[in-house]
Amino acid sequence: MNEPAWSWLPLTLVIVSTLTLLISQRWRWSIIAFAIQYIGMFWMISWEWPIGLAAVKLVTGWMAGAVLAISQPGTALAETGFTRISGGGFKLITAALTWVMAFAIAPSLQTLFPAASAYLMGAIILIGMGLLQLGMSHQPLRVILGLFTVLSGFELLYAAVDRSVLVAGLISGVNLGLALVGAFLLVNPEPEETL
């Protein structure tokens, strides 16, 4: 399948935004990277779906990001288990391995999913980087953003197979529900005591 040269631009947006989500120590940068990730996702989904239906994904992602930003208490995202230099280096190496895996797997996935290679690479990178974020974090904002990233990758794969308006609406509802759960966990970080 011949791809235009500009098809790599949204893939670059996805790579940069997921890397920023993985290594950022400030919640504002993470929310901005989250918004940029949804721009790249919208751009890729618009290859498979009509623009109006793809815009639903963009608006839902930005609304989820706004809900998470409003409920943010203002603390830093520094992880306690890693030192700044060694933890950042380890995260960068694991991210590079995820990118290599995506570039290796995407051509063989074209037999299962009728989509461009850059599109499939974006989906695999979103799933892999989201799983990395989930595995390396214990803070609520990082975990919620990791869940959104994994879900975004699966949404890209689903968009290549089917363009159901009902399922797109259902997934948007799941995204907004996840944002509300994340906002609740950010506002109430300590579990309630039971008697």
N, C-alpha and C. Protein backbone atom coordinates (compact mmCIF):
# COMPACT_ATOMS: atom_id res chain seq x y z
N MET A 1 0.85 -1.17 0.00
CA MET A 1 0.00 0.00 0.00
C MET A 1 0.89 1.24 0.00
N ASN A 2 0.72 2.12 -0.97
CA ASN A 2 1.51 3.34 -1.04
C ASN A 2 0.96 4.37 -0.06
N GLU A 3 1.86 4.91 0.74
CA GLU A 3 1.46 5.91 1.72
C GLU A 3 2.11 7.23 1.36
N PRO A 4 1.37 8.33 1.50
CA PRO A 4 1.99 9.63 1.26
C PRO A 4 3.00 9.95 2.36
N ALA A 5 3.91 10.85 2.06
CA ALA A 5 4.98 11.19 3.02
C ALA A 5 4.41 11.80 4.29
N TRP A 6 3.32 12.53 4.18
CA TRP A 6 2.75 13.18 5.37
C TRP A 6 2.07 12.21 6.31
N SER A 7 1.92 10.95 5.93
CA SER A 7 1.27 9.97 6.81
C SER A 7 2.12 9.67 8.04
N TRP A 8 3.39 10.02 8.01
CA TRP A 8 4.25 9.79 9.17
C TRP A 8 4.14 10.92 10.19
N LEU A 9 3.53 12.04 9.84
CA LEU A 9 3.39 13.15 10.79
C LEU A 9 2.52 12.78 12.00
N PRO A 10 1.35 12.18 11.83
CA PRO A 10 0.59 11.81 13.03
C PRO A 10 1.28 10.72 13.85
N LEU A 11 2.03 9.84 13.17
CA LEU A 11 2.80 8.84 13.91
C LEU A 11 3.86 9.52 14.77
N THR A 12 4.50 10.55 14.24
CA THR A 12 5.47 11.32 15.01
C THR A 12 4.80 12.00 16.21
N LEU A 13 3.60 12.55 16.00
CA LEU A 13 2.86 13.14 17.12
C LEU A 13 2.58 12.11 18.21
N VAL A 14 2.19 10.91 17.80
CA VAL A 14 1.91 9.85 18.77
C VAL A 14 3.18 9.45 19.52
N ILE A 15 4.28 9.31 18.80
CA ILE A 15 5.54 8.91 19.45
C ILE A 15 5.99 9.96 20.45
N VAL A 16 5.98 11.22 20.05
CA VAL A 16 6.44 12.30 20.94
C VAL A 16 5.50 12.45 22.14
N SER A 17 4.21 12.37 21.90
CA SER A 17 3.27 12.56 23.02
C SER A 17 3.33 11.40 24.01
N THR A 18 3.43 10.16 23.53
CA THR A 18 3.51 9.04 24.47
C THR A 18 4.82 9.03 25.24
N LEU A 19 5.91 9.45 24.59
CA LEU A 19 7.18 9.56 25.30
C LEU A 19 7.11 10.64 26.38
N THR A 20 6.48 11.75 26.06
CA THR A 20 6.31 12.82 27.04
C THR A 20 5.46 12.35 28.21
N LEU A 21 4.39 11.61 27.92
CA LEU A 21 3.56 11.07 29.00
C LEU A 21 4.36 10.12 29.89
N LEU A 22 5.27 9.37 29.30
CA LEU A 22 6.04 8.39 30.06
C LEU A 22 7.08 9.04 30.96
N ILE A 23 7.76 10.08 30.48
CA ILE A 23 8.89 10.63 31.25
C ILE A 23 8.62 11.97 31.91
N SER A 24 7.51 12.59 31.64
CA SER A 24 7.24 13.91 32.18
C SER A 24 7.08 13.87 33.70
N GLN A 25 7.62 14.88 34.36
CA GLN A 25 7.51 15.00 35.81
C GLN A 25 6.48 16.07 36.21
N ARG A 26 5.86 16.72 35.23
CA ARG A 26 4.90 17.78 35.52
C ARG A 26 3.56 17.43 34.90
N TRP A 27 2.52 17.62 35.68
CA TRP A 27 1.20 17.21 35.22
C TRP A 27 0.71 18.07 34.07
N ARG A 28 1.09 19.34 34.01
CA ARG A 28 0.64 20.19 32.89
C ARG A 28 1.19 19.69 31.56
N TRP A 29 2.48 19.30 31.55
CA TRP A 29 3.07 18.76 30.32
C TRP A 29 2.39 17.45 29.94
N SER A 30 2.02 16.67 30.94
CA SER A 30 1.35 15.40 30.65
C SER A 30 -0.02 15.63 30.03
N ILE A 31 -0.77 16.61 30.51
CA ILE A 31 -2.09 16.91 29.94
C ILE A 31 -1.94 17.46 28.52
N ILE A 32 -0.93 18.30 28.30
CA ILE A 32 -0.69 18.82 26.94
C ILE A 32 -0.31 17.68 25.99
N ALA A 33 0.55 16.77 26.46
CA ALA A 33 0.93 15.62 25.63
C ALA A 33 -0.28 14.73 25.37
N PHE A 34 -1.17 14.60 26.35
CA PHE A 34 -2.39 13.83 26.18
C PHE A 34 -3.27 14.44 25.08
N ALA A 35 -3.38 15.77 25.07
CA ALA A 35 -4.16 16.45 24.03
C ALA A 35 -3.52 16.26 22.65
N ILE A 36 -2.20 16.33 22.59
CA ILE A 36 -1.50 16.14 21.32
C ILE A 36 -1.64 14.69 20.84
N GLN A 37 -1.65 13.75 21.79
CA GLN A 37 -1.86 12.35 21.43
C GLN A 37 -3.21 12.16 20.76
N TYR A 38 -4.24 12.85 21.25
CA TYR A 38 -5.55 12.73 20.63
C TYR A 38 -5.62 13.44 19.29
N ILE A 39 -4.79 14.46 19.06
CA ILE A 39 -4.72 15.06 17.73
C ILE A 39 -4.16 14.05 16.73
N GLY A 40 -3.07 13.36 17.12
CA GLY A 40 -2.50 12.33 16.25
C GLY A 40 -3.48 11.19 16.02
N MET A 41 -4.19 10.80 17.06
CA MET A 41 -5.17 9.74 16.93
C MET A 41 -6.31 10.16 16.00
N PHE A 42 -6.79 11.39 16.16
CA PHE A 42 -7.84 11.91 15.27
C PHE A 42 -7.37 11.91 13.83
N TRP A 43 -6.14 12.34 13.61
CA TRP A 43 -5.59 12.40 12.25
C TRP A 43 -5.56 11.00 11.63
N MET A 44 -5.14 10.01 12.42
CA MET A 44 -5.08 8.65 11.88
C MET A 44 -6.47 8.05 11.68
N ILE A 45 -7.37 8.25 12.62
CA ILE A 45 -8.72 7.69 12.48
C ILE A 45 -9.45 8.34 11.30
N SER A 46 -9.11 9.58 10.98
CA SER A 46 -9.77 10.24 9.84
C SER A 46 -9.39 9.58 8.52
N TRP A 47 -8.35 8.76 8.49
CA TRP A 47 -8.01 7.99 7.29
C TRP A 47 -9.03 6.87 7.07
N GLU A 48 -9.61 6.38 8.15
CA GLU A 48 -10.51 5.23 8.08
C GLU A 48 -11.98 5.62 8.21
N TRP A 49 -12.28 6.64 8.98
CA TRP A 49 -13.65 7.06 9.27
C TRP A 49 -13.91 8.43 8.67
N PRO A 50 -15.18 8.82 8.53
CA PRO A 50 -15.49 10.20 8.12
C PRO A 50 -14.98 11.19 9.18
N ILE A 51 -14.72 12.41 8.75
CA ILE A 51 -14.15 13.42 9.63
C ILE A 51 -15.04 13.68 10.84
N GLY A 52 -16.34 13.73 10.65
CA GLY A 52 -17.26 13.98 11.76
C GLY A 52 -17.19 12.91 12.83
N LEU A 53 -17.10 11.66 12.42
CA LEU A 53 -17.03 10.56 13.38
C LEU A 53 -15.66 10.52 14.06
N ALA A 54 -14.61 10.86 13.31
CA ALA A 54 -13.28 10.92 13.91
C ALA A 54 -13.17 12.09 14.88
N ALA A 55 -13.89 13.17 14.61
CA ALA A 55 -13.86 14.32 15.51
C ALA A 55 -14.48 14.00 16.86
N VAL A 56 -15.36 13.01 16.91
CA VAL A 56 -15.92 12.58 18.19
C VAL A 56 -14.81 12.08 19.10
N LYS A 57 -13.85 11.36 18.55
CA LYS A 57 -12.72 10.87 19.33
C LYS A 57 -11.88 12.02 19.87
N LEU A 58 -11.65 13.02 19.02
CA LEU A 58 -10.85 14.17 19.43
C LEU A 58 -11.54 14.94 20.54
N VAL A 59 -12.81 15.24 20.38
CA VAL A 59 -13.54 16.01 21.38
C VAL A 59 -13.64 15.23 22.70
N THR A 60 -13.88 13.94 22.60
CA THR A 60 -13.96 13.12 23.82
C THR A 60 -12.63 13.10 24.55
N GLY A 61 -11.54 12.94 23.83
CA GLY A 61 -10.22 12.94 24.46
C GLY A 61 -9.90 14.27 25.11
N TRP A 62 -10.22 15.36 24.43
CA TRP A 62 -9.96 16.66 25.02
C TRP A 62 -10.84 16.93 26.23
N MET A 63 -12.09 16.46 26.19
CA MET A 63 -12.96 16.61 27.36
C MET A 63 -12.42 15.80 28.53
N ALA A 64 -11.95 14.59 28.27
CA ALA A 64 -11.36 13.77 29.33
C ALA A 64 -10.11 14.45 29.90
N GLY A 65 -9.30 15.02 29.04
CA GLY A 65 -8.12 15.75 29.51
C GLY A 65 -8.49 16.96 30.34
N ALA A 66 -9.56 17.66 29.95
CA ALA A 66 -10.00 18.82 30.73
C ALA A 66 -10.51 18.40 32.10
N VAL A 67 -11.23 17.30 32.16
CA VAL A 67 -11.72 16.79 33.46
C VAL A 67 -10.55 16.43 34.35
N LEU A 68 -9.54 15.76 33.80
CA LEU A 68 -8.37 15.39 34.59
C LEU A 68 -7.57 16.61 35.02
N ALA A 69 -7.46 17.62 34.15
CA ALA A 69 -6.71 18.82 34.49
C ALA A 69 -7.41 19.62 35.58
N ILE A 70 -8.72 19.70 35.53
CA ILE A 70 -9.45 20.46 36.54
C ILE A 70 -9.34 19.81 37.91
N SER A 71 -9.30 18.50 37.96
CA SER A 71 -9.27 17.79 39.24
C SER A 71 -7.85 17.56 39.76
N GLN A 72 -6.84 18.05 39.06
CA GLN A 72 -5.45 17.85 39.46
C GLN A 72 -5.14 18.71 40.69
N PRO A 73 -4.62 18.09 41.77
CA PRO A 73 -4.32 18.87 42.97
C PRO A 73 -3.06 19.71 42.86
N GLY A 74 -2.26 19.53 41.82
CA GLY A 74 -1.09 20.39 41.63
C GLY A 74 0.22 19.76 42.08
N THR A 75 0.24 18.49 42.40
CA THR A 75 1.48 17.84 42.82
C THR A 75 2.28 17.41 41.59
N ALA A 76 3.56 17.20 41.79
CA ALA A 76 4.43 16.75 40.70
C ALA A 76 4.19 15.27 40.45
N LEU A 77 4.65 14.79 39.31
CA LEU A 77 4.47 13.39 38.93
C LEU A 77 5.74 12.57 39.14
N ALA A 78 6.64 13.03 39.98
CA ALA A 78 7.88 12.31 40.20
C ALA A 78 7.60 10.98 40.89
N GLU A 79 8.17 9.93 40.35
CA GLU A 79 8.02 8.61 40.95
C GLU A 79 9.06 8.44 42.05
N THR A 80 8.68 7.78 43.12
CA THR A 80 9.60 7.61 44.24
C THR A 80 10.57 6.46 44.04
N GLY A 81 10.26 5.51 43.18
CA GLY A 81 11.10 4.33 43.01
C GLY A 81 12.32 4.56 42.12
N PHE A 82 12.31 5.57 41.28
CA PHE A 82 13.41 5.82 40.35
C PHE A 82 14.13 7.10 40.73
N THR A 83 15.43 7.10 40.52
CA THR A 83 16.11 8.39 40.57
C THR A 83 15.86 9.07 39.23
N ARG A 84 16.04 10.34 39.17
CA ARG A 84 15.67 11.09 37.98
C ARG A 84 16.43 10.64 36.74
N ILE A 85 17.76 10.45 36.85
CA ILE A 85 18.56 10.12 35.66
C ILE A 85 18.40 8.66 35.28
N SER A 86 18.55 7.76 36.24
CA SER A 86 18.47 6.34 35.88
C SER A 86 17.05 5.94 35.50
N GLY A 87 16.06 6.49 36.18
CA GLY A 87 14.67 6.18 35.83
C GLY A 87 14.30 6.69 34.45
N GLY A 88 14.74 7.90 34.11
CA GLY A 88 14.47 8.46 32.78
C GLY A 88 15.17 7.67 31.69
N GLY A 89 16.41 7.25 31.96
CA GLY A 89 17.14 6.44 30.98
C GLY A 89 16.49 5.09 30.75
N PHE A 90 16.04 4.47 31.85
CA PHE A 90 15.37 3.18 31.71
C PHE A 90 14.07 3.32 30.93
N LYS A 91 13.32 4.37 31.22
CA LYS A 91 12.06 4.60 30.50
C LYS A 91 12.32 4.86 29.02
N LEU A 92 13.37 5.60 28.71
CA LEU A 92 13.70 5.89 27.31
C LEU A 92 14.11 4.61 26.57
N ILE A 93 14.87 3.74 27.22
CA ILE A 93 15.28 2.48 26.58
C ILE A 93 14.07 1.58 26.34
N THR A 94 13.19 1.47 27.33
CA THR A 94 12.00 0.62 27.14
C THR A 94 11.07 1.21 26.08
N ALA A 95 11.00 2.54 26.00
CA ALA A 95 10.20 3.17 24.95
C ALA A 95 10.78 2.86 23.58
N ALA A 96 12.12 2.92 23.46
CA ALA A 96 12.77 2.60 22.18
C ALA A 96 12.51 1.15 21.79
N LEU A 97 12.51 0.24 22.76
CA LEU A 97 12.20 -1.15 22.45
C LEU A 97 10.76 -1.31 21.98
N THR A 98 9.86 -0.54 22.55
CA THR A 98 8.46 -0.57 22.10
C THR A 98 8.34 -0.07 20.67
N TRP A 99 9.09 0.98 20.33
CA TRP A 99 9.05 1.50 18.96
C TRP A 99 9.61 0.47 17.99
N VAL A 100 10.71 -0.19 18.35
CA VAL A 100 11.29 -1.22 17.48
C VAL A 100 10.29 -2.35 17.26
N MET A 101 9.62 -2.75 18.36
CA MET A 101 8.62 -3.80 18.24
C MET A 101 7.49 -3.37 17.31
N ALA A 102 7.05 -2.12 17.43
CA ALA A 102 5.96 -1.63 16.57
C ALA A 102 6.38 -1.62 15.10
N PHE A 103 7.59 -1.18 14.82
CA PHE A 103 8.07 -1.15 13.44
C PHE A 103 8.26 -2.56 12.88
N ALA A 104 8.54 -3.54 13.75
CA ALA A 104 8.72 -4.91 13.30
C ALA A 104 7.39 -5.64 13.09
N ILE A 105 6.41 -5.35 13.94
CA ILE A 105 5.14 -6.08 13.91
C ILE A 105 4.15 -5.51 12.89
N ALA A 106 4.16 -4.20 12.69
CA ALA A 106 3.14 -3.55 11.87
C ALA A 106 3.00 -4.11 10.46
N PRO A 107 4.08 -4.40 9.72
CA PRO A 107 3.88 -4.94 8.37
C PRO A 107 3.15 -6.28 8.36
N SER A 108 3.40 -7.13 9.36
CA SER A 108 2.71 -8.42 9.37
C SER A 108 1.25 -8.28 9.80
N LEU A 109 0.91 -7.21 10.51
CA LEU A 109 -0.48 -6.98 10.91
C LEU A 109 -1.35 -6.51 9.75
N GLN A 110 -0.74 -6.08 8.66
CA GLN A 110 -1.52 -5.61 7.52
C GLN A 110 -2.34 -6.73 6.88
N THR A 111 -1.98 -7.98 7.15
CA THR A 111 -2.80 -9.08 6.65
C THR A 111 -4.09 -9.22 7.45
N LEU A 112 -4.09 -8.79 8.72
CA LEU A 112 -5.28 -8.88 9.57
C LEU A 112 -6.13 -7.62 9.56
N PHE A 113 -5.46 -6.46 9.47
CA PHE A 113 -6.15 -5.18 9.52
C PHE A 113 -5.91 -4.43 8.21
N PRO A 114 -6.97 -4.04 7.52
CA PRO A 114 -6.79 -3.34 6.24
C PRO A 114 -6.48 -1.86 6.46
N ALA A 115 -5.26 -1.58 6.90
CA ALA A 115 -4.88 -0.19 7.18
C ALA A 115 -3.44 0.03 6.75
N ALA A 116 -3.05 1.31 6.71
CA ALA A 116 -1.69 1.67 6.32
C ALA A 116 -0.71 1.24 7.41
N SER A 117 0.53 1.09 7.03
CA SER A 117 1.57 0.65 7.96
C SER A 117 1.77 1.67 9.08
N ALA A 118 1.78 2.96 8.75
CA ALA A 118 1.96 4.00 9.77
C ALA A 118 0.79 3.99 10.76
N TYR A 119 -0.39 3.70 10.27
CA TYR A 119 -1.58 3.62 11.11
C TYR A 119 -1.43 2.49 12.14
N LEU A 120 -1.02 1.32 11.68
CA LEU A 120 -0.85 0.18 12.57
C LEU A 120 0.30 0.39 13.54
N MET A 121 1.36 1.05 13.08
CA MET A 121 2.46 1.37 13.99
C MET A 121 1.98 2.29 15.11
N GLY A 122 1.14 3.26 14.76
CA GLY A 122 0.60 4.16 15.78
C GLY A 122 -0.22 3.41 16.81
N ALA A 123 -1.04 2.47 16.35
CA ALA A 123 -1.86 1.70 17.28
C ALA A 123 -0.99 0.85 18.20
N ILE A 124 0.02 0.20 17.66
CA ILE A 124 0.89 -0.65 18.47
C ILE A 124 1.70 0.19 19.45
N ILE A 125 2.17 1.35 19.01
CA ILE A 125 2.93 2.24 19.90
C ILE A 125 2.04 2.73 21.04
N LEU A 126 0.80 3.09 20.73
CA LEU A 126 -0.11 3.53 21.80
C LEU A 126 -0.35 2.41 22.81
N ILE A 127 -0.59 1.20 22.34
CA ILE A 127 -0.83 0.09 23.27
C ILE A 127 0.43 -0.20 24.09
N GLY A 128 1.57 -0.28 23.43
CA GLY A 128 2.81 -0.60 24.14
C GLY A 128 3.23 0.46 25.13
N MET A 129 3.16 1.73 24.72
CA MET A 129 3.56 2.81 25.63
C MET A 129 2.57 2.95 26.78
N GLY A 130 1.30 2.69 26.53
CA GLY A 130 0.33 2.72 27.61
C GLY A 130 0.59 1.62 28.62
N LEU A 131 0.92 0.43 28.14
CA LEU A 131 1.24 -0.67 29.05
C LEU A 131 2.52 -0.38 29.84
N LEU A 132 3.49 0.26 29.20
CA LEU A 132 4.70 0.67 29.93
C LEU A 132 4.35 1.65 31.05
N GLN A 133 3.51 2.61 30.73
CA GLN A 133 3.12 3.60 31.74
C GLN A 133 2.36 2.93 32.88
N LEU A 134 1.50 2.00 32.56
CA LEU A 134 0.77 1.28 33.60
C LEU A 134 1.71 0.46 34.47
N GLY A 135 2.71 -0.15 33.87
CA GLY A 135 3.62 -1.00 34.61
C GLY A 135 4.65 -0.25 35.43
N MET A 136 4.94 0.99 35.08
CA MET A 136 5.98 1.74 35.78
C MET A 136 5.44 2.80 36.73
N SER A 137 4.16 2.87 36.93
CA SER A 137 3.59 3.96 37.73
C SER A 137 2.64 3.43 38.79
N HIS A 138 2.51 4.21 39.83
CA HIS A 138 1.50 3.93 40.83
C HIS A 138 0.69 5.17 41.18
N GLN A 139 1.01 6.30 40.57
CA GLN A 139 0.26 7.53 40.82
C GLN A 139 -1.02 7.52 39.99
N PRO A 140 -2.11 8.02 40.56
CA PRO A 140 -3.40 7.94 39.86
C PRO A 140 -3.42 8.61 38.49
N LEU A 141 -2.82 9.80 38.35
CA LEU A 141 -2.86 10.47 37.05
C LEU A 141 -2.10 9.68 35.99
N ARG A 142 -0.94 9.17 36.34
CA ARG A 142 -0.16 8.37 35.38
C ARG A 142 -0.89 7.09 35.00
N VAL A 143 -1.53 6.45 35.97
CA VAL A 143 -2.26 5.21 35.68
C VAL A 143 -3.44 5.50 34.76
N ILE A 144 -4.19 6.56 35.05
CA ILE A 144 -5.34 6.91 34.21
C ILE A 144 -4.88 7.26 32.80
N LEU A 145 -3.81 8.04 32.67
CA LEU A 145 -3.30 8.39 31.34
C LEU A 145 -2.78 7.15 30.61
N GLY A 146 -2.19 6.21 31.34
CA GLY A 146 -1.77 4.94 30.73
C GLY A 146 -2.95 4.14 30.23
N LEU A 147 -4.03 4.10 31.01
CA LEU A 147 -5.24 3.40 30.57
C LEU A 147 -5.82 4.05 29.32
N PHE A 148 -5.85 5.39 29.29
CA PHE A 148 -6.33 6.09 28.10
C PHE A 148 -5.46 5.78 26.88
N THR A 149 -4.16 5.68 27.09
CA THR A 149 -3.25 5.42 25.97
C THR A 149 -3.47 4.01 25.41
N VAL A 150 -3.60 3.03 26.29
CA VAL A 150 -3.88 1.66 25.83
C VAL A 150 -5.22 1.61 25.10
N LEU A 151 -6.23 2.24 25.67
CA LEU A 151 -7.55 2.25 25.05
C LEU A 151 -7.52 2.95 23.69
N SER A 152 -6.71 4.00 23.57
CA SER A 152 -6.58 4.69 22.28
C SER A 152 -5.99 3.79 21.21
N GLY A 153 -5.01 2.99 21.59
CA GLY A 153 -4.43 2.05 20.62
C GLY A 153 -5.44 1.02 20.15
N PHE A 154 -6.25 0.49 21.07
CA PHE A 154 -7.27 -0.46 20.67
C PHE A 154 -8.37 0.21 19.84
N GLU A 155 -8.65 1.47 20.14
CA GLU A 155 -9.63 2.20 19.32
C GLU A 155 -9.13 2.37 17.89
N LEU A 156 -7.83 2.62 17.73
CA LEU A 156 -7.28 2.71 16.37
C LEU A 156 -7.41 1.39 15.63
N LEU A 157 -7.09 0.29 16.31
CA LEU A 157 -7.23 -1.01 15.66
C LEU A 157 -8.69 -1.30 15.30
N TYR A 158 -9.61 -0.95 16.19
CA TYR A 158 -11.02 -1.18 15.93
C TYR A 158 -11.51 -0.32 14.76
N ALA A 159 -11.03 0.92 14.69
CA ALA A 159 -11.47 1.82 13.63
C ALA A 159 -11.07 1.29 12.25
N ALA A 160 -9.97 0.52 12.19
CA ALA A 160 -9.55 -0.03 10.90
C ALA A 160 -10.47 -1.16 10.45
N VAL A 161 -11.21 -1.76 11.37
CA VAL A 161 -12.03 -2.92 11.05
C VAL A 161 -13.49 -2.53 10.81
N ASP A 162 -14.02 -1.62 11.62
CA ASP A 162 -15.45 -1.32 11.58
C ASP A 162 -15.66 0.18 11.82
N ARG A 163 -16.69 0.75 11.23
CA ARG A 163 -17.01 2.15 11.48
C ARG A 163 -18.44 2.29 12.00
N SER A 164 -18.69 1.66 13.10
CA SER A 164 -20.00 1.69 13.73
C SER A 164 -20.15 2.95 14.59
N VAL A 165 -21.19 3.71 14.33
CA VAL A 165 -21.45 4.92 15.09
C VAL A 165 -21.82 4.59 16.53
N LEU A 166 -22.58 3.52 16.72
CA LEU A 166 -23.01 3.13 18.06
C LEU A 166 -21.81 2.73 18.92
N VAL A 167 -20.89 1.96 18.37
CA VAL A 167 -19.71 1.55 19.14
C VAL A 167 -18.80 2.75 19.40
N ALA A 168 -18.69 3.67 18.45
CA ALA A 168 -17.90 4.88 18.68
C ALA A 168 -18.48 5.69 19.84
N GLY A 169 -19.80 5.78 19.90
CA GLY A 169 -20.43 6.48 21.01
C GLY A 169 -20.23 5.75 22.33
N LEU A 170 -20.31 4.42 22.30
CA LEU A 170 -20.09 3.63 23.51
C LEU A 170 -18.66 3.81 24.02
N ILE A 171 -17.68 3.78 23.12
CA ILE A 171 -16.29 3.96 23.53
C ILE A 171 -16.07 5.38 24.06
N SER A 172 -16.73 6.36 23.48
CA SER A 172 -16.64 7.73 24.00
C SER A 172 -17.21 7.81 25.40
N GLY A 173 -18.31 7.11 25.65
CA GLY A 173 -18.88 7.06 27.00
C GLY A 173 -17.94 6.39 27.98
N VAL A 174 -17.27 5.33 27.55
CA VAL A 174 -16.29 4.66 28.41
C VAL A 174 -15.13 5.61 28.72
N ASN A 175 -14.67 6.36 27.72
CA ASN A 175 -13.59 7.32 27.95
C ASN A 175 -13.99 8.39 28.96
N LEU A 176 -15.19 8.92 28.82
CA LEU A 176 -15.63 9.95 29.77
C LEU A 176 -15.83 9.37 31.16
N GLY A 177 -16.33 8.15 31.25
CA GLY A 177 -16.45 7.49 32.55
C GLY A 177 -15.10 7.26 33.20
N LEU A 178 -14.12 6.85 32.39
CA LEU A 178 -12.76 6.66 32.90
C LEU A 178 -12.18 7.99 33.40
N ALA A 179 -12.48 9.07 32.69
CA ALA A 179 -12.01 10.39 33.13
C ALA A 179 -12.64 10.78 34.46
N LEU A 180 -13.92 10.47 34.64
CA LEU A 180 -14.58 10.78 35.91
C LEU A 180 -14.03 9.94 37.05
N VAL A 181 -13.75 8.67 36.81
CA VAL A 181 -13.13 7.83 37.83
C VAL A 181 -11.74 8.37 38.17
N GLY A 182 -10.99 8.75 37.14
CA GLY A 182 -9.67 9.33 37.38
C GLY A 182 -9.74 10.62 38.17
N ALA A 183 -10.72 11.46 37.86
CA ALA A 183 -10.89 12.70 38.61
C ALA A 183 -11.23 12.42 40.07
N PHE A 184 -12.06 11.41 40.30
CA PHE A 184 -12.39 11.04 41.67
C PHE A 184 -11.16 10.56 42.42
N LEU A 185 -10.33 9.75 41.77
CA LEU A 185 -9.11 9.25 42.42
C LEU A 185 -8.10 10.36 42.65
N LEU A 186 -8.09 11.37 41.79
CA LEU A 186 -7.17 12.49 42.00
C LEU A 186 -7.63 13.38 43.15
N VAL A 187 -8.93 13.56 43.28
CA VAL A 187 -9.46 14.42 44.34
C VAL A 187 -9.42 13.70 45.69
N ASN A 188 -9.68 12.39 45.70
CA ASN A 188 -9.69 11.58 46.92
C ASN A 188 -8.63 10.50 46.84
N PRO A 189 -7.34 10.84 47.05
CA PRO A 189 -6.30 9.84 46.88
C PRO A 189 -6.28 8.77 47.96
N GLU A 190 -6.78 9.08 49.15
CA GLU A 190 -6.78 8.11 50.23
C GLU A 190 -8.10 7.34 50.24
N PRO A 191 -8.04 6.02 50.36
CA PRO A 191 -9.29 5.24 50.41
C PRO A 191 -10.03 5.53 51.73
N GLU A 192 -11.34 5.45 51.65
CA GLU A 192 -12.15 5.70 52.83
C GLU A 192 -12.00 4.54 53.80
N GLU A 193 -12.02 4.87 55.09
CA GLU A 193 -11.92 3.85 56.11
C GLU A 193 -13.29 3.20 56.33
N THR A 194 -13.28 1.89 56.45
CA THR A 194 -14.52 1.19 56.71
C THR A 194 -14.54 0.76 58.16
N LEU A 195 -15.70 0.71 58.73
CA LEU A 195 -15.82 0.32 60.13
C LEU A 195 -16.13 -1.14 60.27
